[in-house]
Amino acid sequence: MIKIDTQLLDKTSEEAKAAPRRRMNFNFHKNSADTLQRMLNAIEPASYVQPHKHENPDKREVFFVLRGRMAVLEFDELGNITDLIILNPLKGNFGVEIPAKTYHTIISLEQDTVAYEVKDGPYNPLADKNFAPWAPEEGSAEAEQYLKAVLDRTGIRANI
């Protein structure tokens, strides 16, 4: 039995804070060949997840926020925001399922945010994501500006 408790969330959050990408997974699946990928995803504010979709192979993705607040946004093929939700268990917004072939991103809105993530497997890092051509690459100089612009455009406030 793997227990999902405060100690595990704290440990994963501390690793996220120390990581260059400001996020860290704790995997429950045994290997990348597992047909159901399950993990904790600890993500700190200012961590940029380039909008992407899971297509060819098509995969669904599910997030349940266990602690903190996280924005989940969907986009059309041109980069227009088509839907968004602020996941916050204290407000009754617990989770979301992203259909395959849908551009999306997640944004941490406060420190120590941790989500339980489920995604169809297997995981192949070379074919897992189709990155949006209209969004800057992770690690680029434009990424921070893009993240700020998305927050400004939606009126979402992050507690950093």
N, C-alpha and C. Protein backbone atom coordinates (compact mmCIF):
# COMPACT_ATOMS: atom_id res chain seq x y z
N MET A 1 0.84 -1.18 0.00
CA MET A 1 0.00 0.00 0.00
C MET A 1 0.89 1.25 0.00
N ILE A 2 0.58 2.16 -0.90
CA ILE A 2 1.27 3.46 -0.91
C ILE A 2 0.29 4.47 -0.34
N LYS A 3 0.67 5.10 0.76
CA LYS A 3 -0.21 6.05 1.43
C LYS A 3 0.03 7.45 0.91
N ILE A 4 -1.05 8.10 0.52
CA ILE A 4 -0.99 9.49 0.07
C ILE A 4 -1.38 10.34 1.26
N ASP A 5 -0.37 10.83 1.97
CA ASP A 5 -0.62 11.60 3.18
C ASP A 5 0.18 12.91 3.14
N THR A 6 0.04 13.70 4.17
CA THR A 6 0.72 14.99 4.23
C THR A 6 2.22 14.84 4.10
N GLN A 7 2.77 13.82 4.69
CA GLN A 7 4.22 13.60 4.62
C GLN A 7 4.68 13.41 3.18
N LEU A 8 3.96 12.61 2.40
CA LEU A 8 4.32 12.39 0.99
C LEU A 8 4.14 13.67 0.17
N LEU A 9 3.04 14.39 0.41
CA LEU A 9 2.83 15.65 -0.30
C LEU A 9 3.92 16.66 0.04
N ASP A 10 4.28 16.76 1.32
CA ASP A 10 5.35 17.69 1.74
C ASP A 10 6.68 17.33 1.08
N LYS A 11 7.02 16.05 1.07
CA LYS A 11 8.28 15.60 0.48
C LYS A 11 8.33 15.92 -1.01
N THR A 12 7.23 15.65 -1.73
CA THR A 12 7.18 15.90 -3.16
C THR A 12 7.21 17.41 -3.45
N SER A 13 6.53 18.21 -2.62
CA SER A 13 6.56 19.67 -2.78
C SER A 13 7.96 20.22 -2.55
N GLU A 14 8.66 19.72 -1.56
CA GLU A 14 10.03 20.19 -1.30
C GLU A 14 10.94 19.87 -2.48
N GLU A 15 10.77 18.70 -3.08
CA GLU A 15 11.55 18.34 -4.27
C GLU A 15 11.22 19.26 -5.44
N ALA A 16 9.94 19.63 -5.57
CA ALA A 16 9.53 20.55 -6.65
C ALA A 16 10.18 21.91 -6.46
N LYS A 17 10.22 22.40 -5.23
CA LYS A 17 10.82 23.71 -4.96
C LYS A 17 12.30 23.74 -5.31
N ALA A 18 12.97 22.61 -5.15
CA ALA A 18 14.40 22.52 -5.42
C ALA A 18 14.72 22.21 -6.88
N ALA A 19 13.73 21.79 -7.64
CA ALA A 19 13.94 21.38 -9.04
C ALA A 19 13.99 22.60 -9.96
N PRO A 20 14.83 22.56 -10.98
CA PRO A 20 14.92 23.69 -11.92
C PRO A 20 13.59 24.02 -12.59
N ARG A 21 12.76 23.03 -12.86
CA ARG A 21 11.47 23.26 -13.52
C ARG A 21 10.37 23.63 -12.53
N ARG A 22 10.67 23.63 -11.23
CA ARG A 22 9.72 23.99 -10.16
C ARG A 22 8.53 23.03 -10.10
N ARG A 23 8.77 21.77 -10.49
CA ARG A 23 7.75 20.74 -10.36
C ARG A 23 8.42 19.38 -10.24
N MET A 24 7.65 18.43 -9.66
CA MET A 24 8.20 17.10 -9.44
C MET A 24 7.06 16.10 -9.41
N ASN A 25 7.29 14.95 -10.03
CA ASN A 25 6.33 13.85 -9.98
C ASN A 25 6.76 12.82 -8.95
N PHE A 26 5.79 12.17 -8.36
CA PHE A 26 6.00 10.96 -7.58
C PHE A 26 5.15 9.91 -8.26
N ASN A 27 5.78 8.96 -8.93
CA ASN A 27 5.06 7.97 -9.73
C ASN A 27 4.59 6.79 -8.91
N PHE A 28 3.35 6.38 -9.15
CA PHE A 28 2.80 5.17 -8.55
C PHE A 28 2.92 3.98 -9.50
N HIS A 29 2.93 4.24 -10.81
CA HIS A 29 3.08 3.17 -11.77
C HIS A 29 4.52 2.64 -11.70
N LYS A 30 4.69 1.38 -12.03
CA LYS A 30 5.99 0.72 -11.88
C LYS A 30 6.98 1.10 -12.97
N ASN A 31 6.48 1.35 -14.19
CA ASN A 31 7.39 1.70 -15.28
C ASN A 31 6.62 2.41 -16.38
N SER A 32 7.35 2.89 -17.37
CA SER A 32 6.73 3.69 -18.44
C SER A 32 5.83 2.86 -19.36
N ALA A 33 5.94 1.54 -19.31
CA ALA A 33 5.10 0.69 -20.15
C ALA A 33 3.70 0.48 -19.57
N ASP A 34 3.49 0.86 -18.33
CA ASP A 34 2.18 0.69 -17.69
C ASP A 34 1.12 1.42 -18.52
N THR A 35 -0.01 0.78 -18.73
CA THR A 35 -1.07 1.37 -19.56
C THR A 35 -1.89 2.42 -18.82
N LEU A 36 -1.66 2.56 -17.52
CA LEU A 36 -2.31 3.62 -16.74
C LEU A 36 -1.22 4.30 -15.90
N GLN A 37 -0.87 5.51 -16.30
CA GLN A 37 0.16 6.28 -15.61
C GLN A 37 -0.51 7.06 -14.47
N ARG A 38 0.00 6.89 -13.23
CA ARG A 38 -0.58 7.53 -12.06
C ARG A 38 0.54 8.18 -11.27
N MET A 39 0.33 9.43 -10.86
CA MET A 39 1.41 10.15 -10.17
C MET A 39 0.88 11.31 -9.36
N LEU A 40 1.66 11.72 -8.39
CA LEU A 40 1.48 13.03 -7.77
C LEU A 40 2.25 14.00 -8.64
N ASN A 41 1.70 15.17 -8.84
CA ASN A 41 2.37 16.22 -9.60
C ASN A 41 2.41 17.45 -8.70
N ALA A 42 3.56 17.67 -8.06
CA ALA A 42 3.75 18.86 -7.23
C ALA A 42 4.28 19.95 -8.14
N ILE A 43 3.61 21.09 -8.13
CA ILE A 43 3.98 22.17 -9.03
C ILE A 43 3.91 23.50 -8.28
N GLU A 44 4.95 24.28 -8.45
CA GLU A 44 5.05 25.56 -7.77
C GLU A 44 4.69 26.69 -8.75
N PRO A 45 4.24 27.83 -8.21
CA PRO A 45 4.00 28.98 -9.08
C PRO A 45 5.25 29.32 -9.88
N ALA A 46 5.07 29.85 -11.04
CA ALA A 46 6.14 30.22 -11.98
C ALA A 46 6.71 29.02 -12.72
N SER A 47 6.17 27.83 -12.49
CA SER A 47 6.54 26.67 -13.31
C SER A 47 5.71 26.76 -14.60
N TYR A 48 6.39 26.76 -15.72
CA TYR A 48 5.71 26.88 -17.01
C TYR A 48 5.57 25.52 -17.67
N VAL A 49 4.33 25.14 -17.93
CA VAL A 49 4.03 23.91 -18.66
C VAL A 49 3.55 24.34 -20.03
N GLN A 50 4.38 24.14 -21.05
CA GLN A 50 4.00 24.56 -22.40
C GLN A 50 2.69 23.90 -22.81
N PRO A 51 1.73 24.69 -23.30
CA PRO A 51 0.49 24.07 -23.79
C PRO A 51 0.80 22.95 -24.78
N HIS A 52 0.05 21.87 -24.62
CA HIS A 52 0.28 20.68 -25.44
C HIS A 52 -1.01 19.87 -25.51
N LYS A 53 -1.00 18.87 -26.39
CA LYS A 53 -2.10 17.92 -26.46
C LYS A 53 -1.50 16.53 -26.60
N HIS A 54 -2.32 15.54 -26.30
CA HIS A 54 -1.90 14.14 -26.41
C HIS A 54 -2.67 13.54 -27.58
N GLU A 55 -1.94 13.38 -28.69
CA GLU A 55 -2.55 12.93 -29.93
C GLU A 55 -1.53 12.06 -30.67
N ASN A 56 -1.99 10.94 -31.16
CA ASN A 56 -1.11 10.05 -31.93
C ASN A 56 0.07 9.55 -31.11
N PRO A 57 -0.10 8.85 -30.05
CA PRO A 57 -1.35 8.21 -29.62
C PRO A 57 -2.22 9.16 -28.79
N ASP A 58 -3.53 8.96 -28.94
CA ASP A 58 -4.50 9.77 -28.21
C ASP A 58 -4.54 9.32 -26.75
N LYS A 59 -4.49 10.32 -25.84
CA LYS A 59 -4.51 10.01 -24.41
C LYS A 59 -5.35 11.02 -23.66
N ARG A 60 -6.12 10.52 -22.71
CA ARG A 60 -6.84 11.38 -21.78
C ARG A 60 -5.92 11.68 -20.61
N GLU A 61 -6.23 12.78 -19.92
CA GLU A 61 -5.43 13.16 -18.75
C GLU A 61 -6.39 13.71 -17.70
N VAL A 62 -6.18 13.31 -16.45
CA VAL A 62 -7.06 13.70 -15.35
C VAL A 62 -6.22 14.30 -14.23
N PHE A 63 -6.71 15.39 -13.65
CA PHE A 63 -6.06 16.02 -12.50
C PHE A 63 -7.08 16.16 -11.37
N PHE A 64 -6.69 15.75 -10.16
CA PHE A 64 -7.42 16.01 -8.93
C PHE A 64 -6.49 16.79 -8.02
N VAL A 65 -6.87 17.98 -7.61
CA VAL A 65 -6.01 18.76 -6.71
C VAL A 65 -6.22 18.28 -5.28
N LEU A 66 -5.12 17.88 -4.67
CA LEU A 66 -5.17 17.42 -3.28
C LEU A 66 -4.89 18.56 -2.31
N ARG A 67 -4.07 19.52 -2.78
CA ARG A 67 -3.69 20.65 -1.93
C ARG A 67 -3.33 21.83 -2.81
N GLY A 68 -3.73 23.02 -2.40
CA GLY A 68 -3.38 24.22 -3.15
C GLY A 68 -4.44 24.57 -4.18
N ARG A 69 -4.00 25.36 -5.17
CA ARG A 69 -4.88 25.80 -6.26
C ARG A 69 -4.13 25.68 -7.57
N MET A 70 -4.85 25.24 -8.60
CA MET A 70 -4.26 25.06 -9.92
C MET A 70 -5.27 25.47 -10.99
N ALA A 71 -4.81 26.28 -11.95
CA ALA A 71 -5.64 26.61 -13.10
C ALA A 71 -5.38 25.58 -14.19
N VAL A 72 -6.44 25.14 -14.82
CA VAL A 72 -6.34 24.24 -15.97
C VAL A 72 -7.05 24.96 -17.13
N LEU A 73 -6.32 25.15 -18.22
CA LEU A 73 -6.86 25.87 -19.37
C LEU A 73 -6.82 24.98 -20.59
N GLU A 74 -7.86 25.11 -21.42
CA GLU A 74 -7.90 24.46 -22.73
C GLU A 74 -7.85 25.54 -23.80
N PHE A 75 -7.28 25.18 -24.95
CA PHE A 75 -7.08 26.12 -26.06
C PHE A 75 -7.58 25.50 -27.35
N ASP A 76 -7.93 26.36 -28.32
CA ASP A 76 -8.22 25.87 -29.66
C ASP A 76 -6.91 25.78 -30.44
N GLU A 77 -7.01 25.42 -31.71
CA GLU A 77 -5.83 25.21 -32.54
C GLU A 77 -5.02 26.49 -32.79
N LEU A 78 -5.64 27.66 -32.56
CA LEU A 78 -4.96 28.93 -32.78
C LEU A 78 -4.40 29.54 -31.50
N GLY A 79 -4.66 28.89 -30.37
CA GLY A 79 -4.16 29.39 -29.10
C GLY A 79 -5.13 30.22 -28.30
N ASN A 80 -6.39 30.30 -28.75
CA ASN A 80 -7.41 31.01 -27.99
C ASN A 80 -7.88 30.14 -26.83
N ILE A 81 -8.06 30.73 -25.66
CA ILE A 81 -8.54 29.98 -24.50
C ILE A 81 -10.01 29.65 -24.72
N THR A 82 -10.34 28.37 -24.63
CA THR A 82 -11.72 27.93 -24.86
C THR A 82 -12.43 27.53 -23.57
N ASP A 83 -11.65 27.19 -22.53
CA ASP A 83 -12.25 26.81 -21.26
C ASP A 83 -11.18 26.91 -20.18
N LEU A 84 -11.63 27.15 -18.95
CA LEU A 84 -10.69 27.14 -17.83
C LEU A 84 -11.43 26.85 -16.55
N ILE A 85 -10.70 26.33 -15.60
CA ILE A 85 -11.24 26.06 -14.27
C ILE A 85 -10.10 26.27 -13.27
N ILE A 86 -10.46 26.79 -12.11
CA ILE A 86 -9.52 26.86 -11.01
C ILE A 86 -9.84 25.68 -10.10
N LEU A 87 -8.92 24.72 -10.04
CA LEU A 87 -9.11 23.58 -9.15
C LEU A 87 -8.70 24.01 -7.75
N ASN A 88 -9.63 23.86 -6.81
CA ASN A 88 -9.41 24.26 -5.43
C ASN A 88 -10.35 23.42 -4.57
N PRO A 89 -9.82 22.42 -3.87
CA PRO A 89 -10.70 21.56 -3.09
C PRO A 89 -11.48 22.31 -2.00
N LEU A 90 -10.97 23.44 -1.55
CA LEU A 90 -11.68 24.22 -0.53
C LEU A 90 -12.91 24.92 -1.10
N LYS A 91 -12.96 25.07 -2.43
CA LYS A 91 -14.11 25.71 -3.09
C LYS A 91 -15.00 24.71 -3.83
N GLY A 92 -14.70 23.41 -3.69
CA GLY A 92 -15.54 22.39 -4.32
C GLY A 92 -15.19 22.07 -5.75
N ASN A 93 -14.08 22.59 -6.27
CA ASN A 93 -13.60 22.25 -7.62
C ASN A 93 -12.42 21.30 -7.46
N PHE A 94 -12.69 20.01 -7.56
CA PHE A 94 -11.71 19.00 -7.21
C PHE A 94 -10.84 18.52 -8.37
N GLY A 95 -11.43 18.38 -9.54
CA GLY A 95 -10.67 17.77 -10.62
C GLY A 95 -11.24 18.09 -11.98
N VAL A 96 -10.53 17.58 -12.98
CA VAL A 96 -10.91 17.82 -14.37
C VAL A 96 -10.35 16.68 -15.23
N GLU A 97 -11.08 16.33 -16.27
CA GLU A 97 -10.57 15.37 -17.26
C GLU A 97 -10.41 16.10 -18.58
N ILE A 98 -9.21 16.01 -19.15
CA ILE A 98 -8.89 16.63 -20.44
C ILE A 98 -9.02 15.55 -21.51
N PRO A 99 -9.87 15.76 -22.52
CA PRO A 99 -9.98 14.77 -23.58
C PRO A 99 -8.71 14.72 -24.43
N ALA A 100 -8.50 13.62 -25.08
CA ALA A 100 -7.39 13.50 -26.04
C ALA A 100 -7.56 14.57 -27.11
N LYS A 101 -6.46 14.94 -27.73
CA LYS A 101 -6.44 15.88 -28.86
C LYS A 101 -6.84 17.30 -28.47
N THR A 102 -6.72 17.66 -27.19
CA THR A 102 -7.11 18.98 -26.71
C THR A 102 -5.89 19.70 -26.15
N TYR A 103 -5.56 20.85 -26.72
CA TYR A 103 -4.46 21.64 -26.17
C TYR A 103 -4.83 22.11 -24.77
N HIS A 104 -3.88 22.01 -23.84
CA HIS A 104 -4.13 22.39 -22.46
C HIS A 104 -2.82 22.72 -21.75
N THR A 105 -2.96 23.38 -20.61
CA THR A 105 -1.84 23.62 -19.72
C THR A 105 -2.36 23.66 -18.30
N ILE A 106 -1.44 23.53 -17.35
CA ILE A 106 -1.77 23.69 -15.93
C ILE A 106 -0.86 24.78 -15.37
N ILE A 107 -1.42 25.55 -14.42
CA ILE A 107 -0.67 26.63 -13.80
C ILE A 107 -0.91 26.57 -12.30
N SER A 108 0.16 26.43 -11.53
CA SER A 108 0.05 26.46 -10.08
C SER A 108 -0.23 27.89 -9.63
N LEU A 109 -1.19 28.03 -8.72
CA LEU A 109 -1.57 29.36 -8.25
C LEU A 109 -1.14 29.63 -6.81
N GLU A 110 -0.57 28.63 -6.15
CA GLU A 110 -0.02 28.87 -4.82
C GLU A 110 1.03 27.82 -4.50
N GLN A 111 1.88 28.16 -3.56
CA GLN A 111 2.95 27.25 -3.18
C GLN A 111 2.37 25.96 -2.61
N ASP A 112 3.12 24.90 -2.77
CA ASP A 112 2.78 23.57 -2.24
C ASP A 112 1.55 22.95 -2.89
N THR A 113 1.24 23.35 -4.12
CA THR A 113 0.12 22.74 -4.84
C THR A 113 0.53 21.34 -5.29
N VAL A 114 -0.36 20.38 -5.03
CA VAL A 114 -0.11 19.00 -5.45
C VAL A 114 -1.39 18.43 -6.05
N ALA A 115 -1.26 17.85 -7.22
CA ALA A 115 -2.38 17.18 -7.89
C ALA A 115 -2.08 15.70 -8.04
N TYR A 116 -3.12 14.90 -8.04
CA TYR A 116 -3.03 13.50 -8.42
C TYR A 116 -3.36 13.47 -9.89
N GLU A 117 -2.45 12.95 -10.70
CA GLU A 117 -2.62 12.94 -12.15
C GLU A 117 -2.73 11.50 -12.64
N VAL A 118 -3.65 11.30 -13.57
CA VAL A 118 -3.84 10.00 -14.21
C VAL A 118 -3.85 10.24 -15.71
N LYS A 119 -3.10 9.40 -16.42
CA LYS A 119 -3.01 9.56 -17.87
C LYS A 119 -2.90 8.18 -18.50
N ASP A 120 -3.50 8.05 -19.68
CA ASP A 120 -3.34 6.80 -20.42
C ASP A 120 -1.86 6.57 -20.70
N GLY A 121 -1.43 5.33 -20.63
CA GLY A 121 -0.07 4.95 -20.97
C GLY A 121 -0.09 4.16 -22.25
N PRO A 122 1.03 3.59 -22.60
CA PRO A 122 2.33 3.74 -21.96
C PRO A 122 2.92 5.13 -22.21
N TYR A 123 3.97 5.44 -21.46
CA TYR A 123 4.64 6.73 -21.59
C TYR A 123 5.87 6.58 -22.48
N ASN A 124 5.90 7.35 -23.56
CA ASN A 124 7.05 7.42 -24.44
C ASN A 124 7.43 8.89 -24.54
N PRO A 125 8.54 9.30 -23.93
CA PRO A 125 8.88 10.73 -23.91
C PRO A 125 9.01 11.36 -25.29
N LEU A 126 9.27 10.56 -26.32
CA LEU A 126 9.42 11.10 -27.67
C LEU A 126 8.08 11.34 -28.36
N ALA A 127 7.01 10.71 -27.86
CA ALA A 127 5.70 10.85 -28.52
C ALA A 127 4.59 11.19 -27.54
N ASP A 128 4.95 11.59 -26.32
CA ASP A 128 3.93 11.82 -25.30
C ASP A 128 3.12 13.09 -25.53
N LYS A 129 3.77 14.15 -25.99
CA LYS A 129 3.11 15.45 -26.12
C LYS A 129 3.30 16.03 -27.51
N ASN A 130 2.27 16.69 -28.00
CA ASN A 130 2.36 17.50 -29.19
C ASN A 130 2.27 18.94 -28.70
N PHE A 131 3.40 19.64 -28.71
CA PHE A 131 3.45 20.99 -28.18
C PHE A 131 2.78 21.98 -29.13
N ALA A 132 2.11 22.96 -28.53
CA ALA A 132 1.42 23.99 -29.31
C ALA A 132 2.44 24.86 -30.03
N PRO A 133 2.31 25.00 -31.35
CA PRO A 133 3.28 25.81 -32.10
C PRO A 133 3.18 27.31 -31.79
N TRP A 134 2.07 27.75 -31.22
CA TRP A 134 1.85 29.16 -30.92
C TRP A 134 2.31 29.55 -29.51
N ALA A 135 2.82 28.60 -28.73
CA ALA A 135 3.28 28.89 -27.36
C ALA A 135 4.79 28.72 -27.29
N PRO A 136 5.45 29.57 -26.49
CA PRO A 136 6.91 29.45 -26.39
C PRO A 136 7.34 28.14 -25.73
N GLU A 137 8.53 27.71 -26.07
CA GLU A 137 9.08 26.49 -25.48
C GLU A 137 9.44 26.71 -24.03
N GLU A 138 9.33 25.63 -23.25
CA GLU A 138 9.76 25.68 -21.86
C GLU A 138 11.24 26.05 -21.81
N GLY A 139 11.58 26.93 -20.88
CA GLY A 139 12.98 27.35 -20.73
C GLY A 139 13.38 28.51 -21.61
N SER A 140 12.50 28.93 -22.52
CA SER A 140 12.83 30.05 -23.39
C SER A 140 12.61 31.36 -22.65
N ALA A 141 13.21 32.42 -23.19
CA ALA A 141 13.06 33.75 -22.59
C ALA A 141 11.61 34.21 -22.64
N GLU A 142 10.85 33.77 -23.62
CA GLU A 142 9.46 34.21 -23.80
C GLU A 142 8.47 33.47 -22.89
N ALA A 143 8.89 32.35 -22.32
CA ALA A 143 7.97 31.51 -21.53
C ALA A 143 7.38 32.26 -20.34
N GLU A 144 8.21 32.97 -19.58
CA GLU A 144 7.73 33.69 -18.41
C GLU A 144 6.73 34.78 -18.81
N GLN A 145 7.02 35.48 -19.90
CA GLN A 145 6.11 36.53 -20.39
C GLN A 145 4.78 35.93 -20.84
N TYR A 146 4.83 34.78 -21.51
CA TYR A 146 3.62 34.12 -21.97
C TYR A 146 2.75 33.71 -20.78
N LEU A 147 3.37 33.13 -19.76
CA LEU A 147 2.64 32.70 -18.56
C LEU A 147 1.96 33.91 -17.90
N LYS A 148 2.68 35.00 -17.76
CA LYS A 148 2.12 36.22 -17.17
C LYS A 148 0.97 36.75 -18.04
N ALA A 149 1.13 36.73 -19.35
CA ALA A 149 0.08 37.22 -20.26
C ALA A 149 -1.19 36.37 -20.13
N VAL A 150 -1.05 35.06 -20.01
CA VAL A 150 -2.22 34.19 -19.84
C VAL A 150 -2.93 34.53 -18.54
N LEU A 151 -2.19 34.71 -17.47
CA LEU A 151 -2.80 35.05 -16.19
C LEU A 151 -3.50 36.41 -16.28
N ASP A 152 -2.84 37.38 -16.91
CA ASP A 152 -3.44 38.72 -17.07
C ASP A 152 -4.72 38.66 -17.90
N ARG A 153 -4.67 37.91 -19.00
CA ARG A 153 -5.81 37.83 -19.92
C ARG A 153 -7.03 37.19 -19.26
N THR A 154 -6.79 36.25 -18.36
CA THR A 154 -7.90 35.54 -17.71
C THR A 154 -8.31 36.17 -16.39
N GLY A 155 -7.48 37.07 -15.86
CA GLY A 155 -7.76 37.68 -14.57
C GLY A 155 -7.47 36.76 -13.39
N ILE A 156 -6.77 35.68 -13.64
CA ILE A 156 -6.44 34.73 -12.58
C ILE A 156 -5.30 35.31 -11.75
N ARG A 157 -5.43 35.20 -10.44
CA ARG A 157 -4.41 35.68 -9.51
C ARG A 157 -3.68 34.50 -8.88
N ALA A 158 -2.36 34.62 -8.87
CA ALA A 158 -1.53 33.59 -8.23
C ALA A 158 -1.02 34.13 -6.90
N ASN A 159 -1.03 33.30 -5.87
CA ASN A 159 -0.46 33.65 -4.58
C ASN A 159 0.99 33.14 -4.54
N ILE A 160 1.90 34.00 -4.84
CA ILE A 160 3.32 33.59 -4.93
C ILE A 160 4.06 34.07 -3.71
